Every structure is written in structure tokens, then in C-alpha cells.
Amino acid sequence: MKEFTITIVETNNPAILKFDTNHFITQSTNYEYKDIDEAKNSPLAQQLFYLPFVKTVYISANFIALERYSIVEWNDVKDEVAQQLVEYLNSGEPVVYENKDPKKIPATVYAESTPNPAVMKFVSNKTIVPTAFEFKNIDEAKDSGLAKKLFHLPFVKEVFFDENYVSVTKYDVADWNEVTYDIRELIRNFIADGHEVVSSESVVKKKAEAPKTQLENTNLDDTSKKIIDILEEYVKPAVASDGGNILFKSYDKESKTVNVILQGACSGCPSSTFTLKNGIENMLKNMMGDQVQNVVALNG
């Protein structure tokens, strides 16, 4: 039996607190309950509503989030709630009574072109991973069932996941008009069958490397942390819309150089690399003055 642990994570809304789990607890489906009547299919949510300060319960694949009434502060009750969740999850009791027929799990996927002609973005109506993953070959994909299936297609060169989409990089030998349908159906069927896109252990490890965790690193200087904030708020959403991702790598105070890593559709495309480098460089110069002079964009 899996042993569950809980990590408490604050959100931008002070009334809502997340309790991350180290294993998946639903079949990649999100649930929201406003009261105990709505929670008829969730024994866990029903139990949580017996806490008088619980206003809303959110249950996702790898976390439980609670919205509180103002009668309490989270600092006064969060540890007790976390302990209650750990005990419940380790008891083996059901979290949500889900539809066990995988064919009835609603899943849609549509294909979307990107600025990189070698990359196609496949967007799902479901969240498939909580953070970004990049796989350059089938060996790197050992903890991802979906990536391994994609790499069995001979024309697939690289695979990138982020939240609700998959970016697939192909070899030149294939034409998107001929292979897009097969890839889309493979992804859609995998999600509809309720499989884990990436193993829960890999998710936990990857989330520990996420930008929010970087900001808690005492070895990072204030300038680096400010750069990470700017990249996350202003650059990453635009890059994600094109099927890519950007990561902070390092900042050199002497040369005032920022190194970033490009992933997904942004990686390996000379035109997008050049455009991104210049765009990020200009933005950081404008927002940080003479602290930044140069940006080096590295392919992931």
C-alpha cells in the first residue's frame, strides 16, 4: 500500500490552502464541492465539511485544496488538517467514487501549430501534469507511459509536457498532415483510459525543482530571484501559448548575463531562439536597469 505524505502550499488567495500529496489520488479529474450535499461522491470531502471553517473543497489528481471561512486563520489549523488528511489517505478509504469505466472518462485533444515548424502542440481539456517535463529520448521517458508510447512512433524526436498540453517534435522525414491525427488519437486515448502521464514519484521530484522552490533557495541572490519572478509572470505564459517553456539557469553578477533554458517548441528553433533572446533581454533591461546586460538562451 502506498504511504501518503502531505506538503502544505500557500496560494495567492489567503483563504485557500493547498495540501499536495506525494501520490495521485484521482484519475486526473478535478472536483469542486461547495457543500456536503454536493460531496455525495466523495467520502473525504464529506468528512472535511464537518470542520466548521471549511467553505469549499477542491480535489485534484495530486492535491486537496480548502477554502476557509474567516472564523479561523490557516496558521491555527493547517497542521491539524494536514494530519487528518494523511490519516485518511493512509487508511485506504476512497477519496472520490470515480467512474471505473475508462471509456467514459471525457477527454478531448486538439492540435495547434507553433512558431517552430518541427513542433506541434496537442492541447487537452484536462490537466495532465502539474509541472513541466521534457524528454529528449525514450530512455529519459522511463517514468512516463505517454512519452514512451509517443517515442515508439518512429518520427517522434522529442516530447514536452506542461499542464494541459503535449508538444511533440518530429523528424523531418514526417509530414504533419500525415501524422497529426495518429498522435492526437494516441494522446486522447491515453488520457481517456485514466493512466498516469508521468509517475507520481517523478512529479514530486520535479516540483521540488520548480521556480517557486527556487525562490526559497537561500543560495540565490535577490537579483536572481527577481529575474525568476519576471520570467514566471511575463514571459512563461506567452511561451506556453506557443507550446514551449523557459527556465532560469543562472545569473552572473560580473558580466550581468542571464542564462535561460528553452524547452518544447522554443528549443531548437533558430528563429524563435533569436526572437525570445532579444525579447527577454529587452524586457529585463527595461525592468532591471543596468543589472542585466545580456541574455543567453540555451536549448533544453
Protein backbone atom coordinates (compact mmCIF):
# COMPACT_ATOMS: atom_id res chain seq x y z
CA MET A 1 0.00 0.00 0.00
CA LYS A 2 1.22 3.49 -0.84
CA GLU A 3 2.21 5.65 2.10
CA PHE A 4 0.92 9.19 1.74
CA THR A 5 2.56 12.37 2.94
CA ILE A 6 1.22 15.92 2.71
CA THR A 7 3.04 19.14 1.80
CA ILE A 8 1.29 22.38 2.75
CA VAL A 9 1.45 25.00 -0.02
CA GLU A 10 0.19 28.57 0.25
CA THR A 11 -1.70 30.12 -2.67
CA ASN A 12 -2.23 33.67 -3.92
CA ASN A 13 -5.60 33.61 -2.18
CA PRO A 14 -5.06 33.75 1.61
CA ALA A 15 -8.35 31.94 2.17
CA ILE A 16 -7.25 28.90 0.13
CA LEU A 17 -4.56 26.47 1.20
CA LYS A 18 -3.26 23.54 -0.85
CA PHE A 19 -2.31 20.18 0.58
CA ASP A 20 -0.10 18.45 -2.01
CA THR A 21 0.02 14.66 -1.98
CA ASN A 22 3.02 12.54 -2.95
CA HIS A 23 0.80 10.09 -4.88
CA PHE A 24 -2.09 10.64 -7.27
CA ILE A 25 -5.49 10.44 -5.61
CA THR A 26 -7.84 10.77 -8.63
CA GLN A 27 -7.78 9.76 -12.28
CA SER A 28 -6.56 13.18 -13.49
CA THR A 29 -10.01 14.63 -12.80
CA ASN A 30 -10.72 17.79 -10.81
CA TYR A 31 -13.61 18.07 -8.35
CA GLU A 32 -15.08 21.08 -6.58
CA TYR A 33 -17.59 20.87 -3.73
CA LYS A 34 -19.39 23.87 -2.25
CA ASP A 35 -21.21 21.94 0.50
CA ILE A 36 -21.70 18.47 1.92
CA ASP A 37 -24.65 17.72 -0.38
CA GLU A 38 -22.52 18.29 -3.47
CA ALA A 39 -19.91 15.94 -1.99
CA LYS A 40 -22.05 12.79 -2.17
CA ASN A 41 -19.47 11.00 -4.33
CA SER A 42 -16.53 11.95 -2.08
CA PRO A 43 -16.28 10.47 1.42
CA LEU A 44 -13.17 12.58 2.05
CA ALA A 45 -14.89 15.86 1.10
CA GLN A 46 -17.87 14.95 3.27
CA GLN A 47 -15.57 14.40 6.24
CA LEU A 48 -13.84 17.73 5.63
CA PHE A 49 -17.15 19.61 5.65
CA TYR A 50 -17.59 18.56 9.28
CA LEU A 51 -14.83 21.08 10.01
CA PRO A 52 -16.85 24.27 10.67
CA PHE A 53 -14.39 26.56 8.89
CA VAL A 54 -14.35 24.68 5.56
CA LYS A 55 -16.18 26.63 2.84
CA THR A 56 -15.11 24.81 -0.36
CA VAL A 57 -13.23 21.58 -1.08
CA TYR A 58 -11.17 21.11 -4.24
CA ILE A 59 -9.81 17.65 -5.07
CA SER A 60 -7.38 17.17 -7.95
CA ALA A 61 -5.04 14.45 -9.14
CA ASN A 62 -2.29 15.28 -6.66
CA PHE A 63 -3.66 17.78 -4.18
CA ILE A 64 -6.55 18.79 -1.96
CA ALA A 65 -7.26 22.49 -1.60
CA LEU A 66 -9.54 24.02 1.02
CA GLU A 67 -11.15 27.43 1.14
CA ARG A 68 -11.87 28.60 4.69
CA TYR A 69 -14.39 30.89 6.29
CA SER A 70 -12.87 33.86 8.09
CA ILE A 71 -13.66 32.46 11.55
CA VAL A 72 -10.14 30.96 11.66
CA GLU A 73 -6.66 31.61 10.31
CA TRP A 74 -4.85 28.84 8.45
CA ASN A 75 -1.83 29.10 10.75
CA ASP A 76 -4.04 27.97 13.63
CA VAL A 77 -5.46 24.86 11.97
CA LYS A 78 -3.35 23.85 8.96
CA ASP A 79 -1.19 21.28 10.76
CA GLU A 80 -4.22 19.53 12.23
CA VAL A 81 -5.91 19.46 8.82
CA ALA A 82 -2.77 18.04 7.19
CA GLN A 83 -2.58 15.32 9.83
CA GLN A 84 -6.24 14.47 9.30
CA LEU A 85 -5.67 14.18 5.54
CA VAL A 86 -2.62 11.95 6.00
CA GLU A 87 -4.53 9.63 8.31
CA TYR A 88 -7.48 9.44 5.92
CA LEU A 89 -5.39 8.76 2.81
CA ASN A 90 -3.32 6.10 4.60
CA SER A 91 -6.46 4.39 5.84
CA GLY A 92 -7.19 3.26 2.29
CA GLU A 93 -10.68 4.76 2.30
CA PRO A 94 -11.90 6.10 -1.08
CA VAL A 95 -11.22 9.74 -1.90
CA VAL A 96 -13.81 10.01 -4.69
CA TYR A 97 -16.07 7.37 -6.18
CA GLU A 98 -14.99 7.72 -9.80
CA ASN A 99 -16.32 6.16 -12.94
CA LYS A 100 -14.29 2.96 -13.27
CA ASP A 101 -15.03 2.60 -17.00
CA PRO A 102 -12.13 4.39 -18.67
CA LYS A 103 -14.07 4.73 -21.93
CA LYS A 104 -16.49 7.07 -20.16
CA ILE A 105 -13.84 9.50 -18.93
CA PRO A 106 -14.38 12.59 -21.11
CA ALA A 107 -11.21 13.62 -22.92
CA THR A 108 -10.71 15.84 -25.93
CA VAL A 109 -7.44 16.80 -27.60
CA TYR A 110 -6.89 19.27 -30.42
CA ALA A 111 -3.75 20.02 -32.44
CA GLU A 112 -2.29 23.52 -32.62
CA SER A 113 0.64 24.68 -34.76
CA THR A 114 3.58 26.50 -33.16
CA PRO A 115 6.18 29.00 -34.44
CA ASN A 116 8.56 26.05 -34.71
CA PRO A 117 7.62 24.06 -37.87
CA ALA A 118 9.08 20.88 -36.33
CA VAL A 119 6.77 21.07 -33.29
CA MET A 120 3.02 20.53 -32.94
CA LYS A 121 1.14 21.31 -29.74
CA PHE A 122 -1.64 18.94 -28.61
CA VAL A 123 -3.97 20.58 -26.10
CA SER A 124 -6.14 18.56 -23.70
CA ASN A 125 -9.31 19.59 -21.88
CA LYS A 126 -7.72 18.12 -18.75
CA THR A 127 -4.69 18.98 -16.66
CA ILE A 128 -2.26 16.17 -17.44
CA VAL A 129 0.78 17.20 -15.35
CA PRO A 130 1.25 19.74 -12.54
CA THR A 131 4.62 20.97 -13.83
CA ALA A 132 6.76 20.81 -16.99
CA PHE A 133 8.59 17.70 -18.19
CA GLU A 134 10.92 17.38 -21.18
CA PHE A 135 12.11 14.11 -22.74
CA LYS A 136 14.81 14.00 -25.41
CA ASN A 137 14.63 10.25 -25.99
CA ILE A 138 12.89 7.08 -24.84
CA ASP A 139 15.49 6.42 -22.12
CA GLU A 140 14.65 9.72 -20.44
CA ALA A 141 10.96 8.77 -20.65
CA LYS A 142 11.20 5.72 -18.40
CA ASP A 143 8.82 7.28 -15.84
CA SER A 144 6.25 8.45 -18.40
CA GLY A 145 3.93 5.95 -20.04
CA LEU A 146 2.63 8.50 -22.53
CA ALA A 147 6.08 9.71 -23.58
CA LYS A 148 7.23 6.12 -24.09
CA LYS A 149 4.24 5.43 -26.35
CA LEU A 150 4.97 8.56 -28.37
CA PHE A 151 8.63 7.60 -28.79
CA HIS A 152 7.53 4.29 -30.28
CA LEU A 153 6.33 6.32 -33.26
CA PRO A 154 9.47 6.41 -35.46
CA PHE A 155 9.06 10.07 -36.44
CA VAL A 156 8.90 11.43 -32.86
CA LYS A 157 12.12 13.17 -31.85
CA GLU A 158 11.28 14.89 -28.54
CA VAL A 159 8.31 15.18 -26.16
CA PHE A 160 7.41 18.02 -23.80
CA PHE A 161 4.55 18.16 -21.25
CA ASP A 162 3.21 21.18 -19.40
CA GLU A 163 -0.10 21.42 -17.53
CA ASN A 164 -2.73 20.65 -20.22
CA TYR A 165 -0.70 20.12 -23.38
CA VAL A 166 1.89 17.95 -25.11
CA SER A 167 4.42 19.41 -27.54
CA VAL A 168 5.83 16.85 -29.97
CA THR A 169 8.97 17.48 -32.02
CA LYS A 170 9.21 15.39 -35.19
CA TYR A 171 11.99 14.38 -37.53
CA ASP A 172 11.95 15.98 -40.97
CA VAL A 173 11.07 12.66 -42.59
CA ALA A 174 7.44 13.03 -41.46
CA ASP A 175 4.77 15.49 -42.61
CA TRP A 176 2.37 16.90 -40.01
CA ASN A 177 -0.55 16.42 -42.41
CA GLU A 178 0.13 12.69 -42.36
CA VAL A 179 0.90 12.08 -38.67
CA THR A 180 -1.08 14.64 -36.64
CA TYR A 181 -4.23 12.52 -36.42
CA ASP A 182 -2.36 9.44 -35.14
CA ILE A 183 -0.56 11.44 -32.45
CA ARG A 184 -3.74 13.21 -31.36
CA GLU A 185 -5.65 9.94 -31.02
CA LEU A 186 -2.78 8.27 -29.12
CA ILE A 187 -2.73 11.12 -26.60
CA ARG A 188 -6.50 11.31 -26.30
CA ASN A 189 -6.90 7.56 -25.73
CA PHE A 190 -4.12 7.51 -23.15
CA ILE A 191 -5.78 10.29 -21.16
CA ALA A 192 -9.26 8.78 -21.56
CA ASP A 193 -8.01 5.47 -20.18
CA GLY A 194 -7.08 7.25 -16.95
CA HIS A 195 -3.37 6.43 -17.00
CA GLU A 196 -0.75 8.49 -15.17
CA VAL A 197 1.01 10.64 -17.75
CA VAL A 198 4.10 10.83 -15.51
CA SER A 199 4.73 8.73 -12.39
CA SER A 200 3.79 10.37 -9.10
CA GLU A 201 7.36 9.94 -7.83
CA SER A 202 8.70 11.94 -10.78
CA VAL A 203 6.09 14.62 -10.19
CA VAL A 204 7.18 15.06 -6.58
CA LYS A 205 10.84 15.26 -7.60
CA LYS A 206 10.16 17.70 -10.42
CA LYS A 207 8.02 20.00 -8.29
CA ALA A 208 10.96 20.33 -5.90
CA GLU A 209 12.88 21.91 -8.78
CA ALA A 210 10.07 24.30 -9.78
CA PRO A 211 10.57 28.11 -9.87
CA LYS A 212 8.65 28.64 -6.61
CA THR A 213 11.08 26.29 -4.89
CA GLN A 214 14.00 28.13 -6.49
CA LEU A 215 12.81 31.33 -4.83
CA GLU A 216 13.16 29.65 -1.44
CA ASN A 217 16.81 28.80 -2.16
CA THR A 218 18.95 30.83 0.23
CA ASN A 219 21.90 30.48 -2.16
CA LEU A 220 20.14 32.59 -4.78
CA ASP A 221 20.81 36.32 -4.67
CA ASP A 222 17.97 38.87 -4.78
CA THR A 223 18.67 39.74 -8.42
CA SER A 224 18.28 36.11 -9.50
CA LYS A 225 15.01 35.83 -7.58
CA LYS A 226 13.67 38.97 -9.23
CA ILE A 227 14.62 37.59 -12.66
CA ILE A 228 12.75 34.34 -11.89
CA ASP A 229 9.66 36.35 -10.87
CA ILE A 230 9.74 38.34 -14.12
CA LEU A 231 10.19 35.22 -16.25
CA GLU A 232 7.32 33.46 -14.50
CA GLU A 233 4.90 36.40 -14.66
CA TYR A 234 5.64 37.96 -18.03
CA VAL A 235 7.50 35.51 -20.24
CA LYS A 236 6.35 31.99 -19.40
CA PRO A 237 2.61 32.47 -20.20
CA ALA A 238 3.42 33.76 -23.69
CA VAL A 239 5.95 30.98 -24.29
CA ALA A 240 3.49 28.33 -23.05
CA SER A 241 0.86 29.51 -25.54
CA ASP A 242 3.32 28.56 -28.29
CA GLY A 243 3.95 25.11 -26.80
CA GLY A 244 7.21 25.89 -25.05
CA ASN A 245 8.72 26.68 -21.69
CA ILE A 246 11.50 28.82 -20.24
CA LEU A 247 13.61 28.12 -17.16
CA PHE A 248 16.05 30.29 -15.26
CA LYS A 249 19.53 28.72 -15.23
CA SER A 250 21.91 31.28 -13.74
CA TYR A 251 22.87 34.93 -13.35
CA ASP A 252 26.43 36.20 -13.48
CA LYS A 253 26.82 39.41 -11.49
CA GLU A 254 30.18 40.34 -13.02
CA SER A 255 29.11 40.14 -16.68
CA LYS A 256 25.45 40.90 -15.86
CA THR A 257 24.47 37.93 -18.00
CA VAL A 258 21.31 35.86 -17.56
CA ASN A 259 21.27 32.27 -18.79
CA VAL A 260 17.88 30.71 -19.57
CA ILE A 261 16.88 27.28 -20.87
CA LEU A 262 14.32 26.92 -23.66
CA GLN A 263 12.13 23.81 -23.81
CA GLY A 264 9.40 22.38 -26.02
CA ALA A 265 8.57 24.32 -29.19
CA CYS A 266 11.10 27.01 -28.28
CA SER A 267 14.02 24.61 -28.22
CA GLY A 268 16.00 24.02 -31.40
CA CYS A 269 14.22 26.66 -33.46
CA PRO A 270 16.80 29.31 -34.54
CA SER A 271 14.20 31.98 -35.29
CA SER A 272 12.27 31.58 -32.05
CA THR A 273 15.52 31.37 -30.05
CA PHE A 274 16.70 34.64 -31.55
CA THR A 275 13.32 36.34 -31.07
CA LEU A 276 12.97 35.12 -27.49
CA LYS A 277 16.52 36.07 -26.55
CA ASN A 278 16.05 39.62 -27.81
CA GLY A 279 12.59 39.96 -26.29
CA ILE A 280 13.66 38.68 -22.86
CA GLU A 281 16.83 40.73 -22.96
CA ASN A 282 14.95 43.95 -23.71
CA MET A 283 12.35 43.23 -21.03
CA LEU A 284 14.92 42.51 -18.32
CA LYS A 285 16.95 45.58 -19.27
CA ASN A 286 13.82 47.75 -19.04
CA MET A 287 12.65 46.26 -15.75
CA MET A 288 16.01 45.81 -14.00
CA GLY A 289 18.11 48.67 -15.36
CA ASP A 290 21.84 48.10 -15.51
CA GLN A 291 21.66 44.85 -13.53
CA VAL A 292 21.18 42.94 -16.81
CA GLN A 293 23.20 43.48 -19.99
CA ASN A 294 22.89 40.19 -21.85
CA VAL A 295 20.67 37.09 -22.08
CA VAL A 296 21.97 33.74 -23.30
CA ALA A 297 19.25 31.32 -24.43
CA LEU A 298 20.24 27.65 -24.24
CA ASN A 299 18.26 24.80 -25.79
CA GLY A 300 16.98 22.32 -23.23
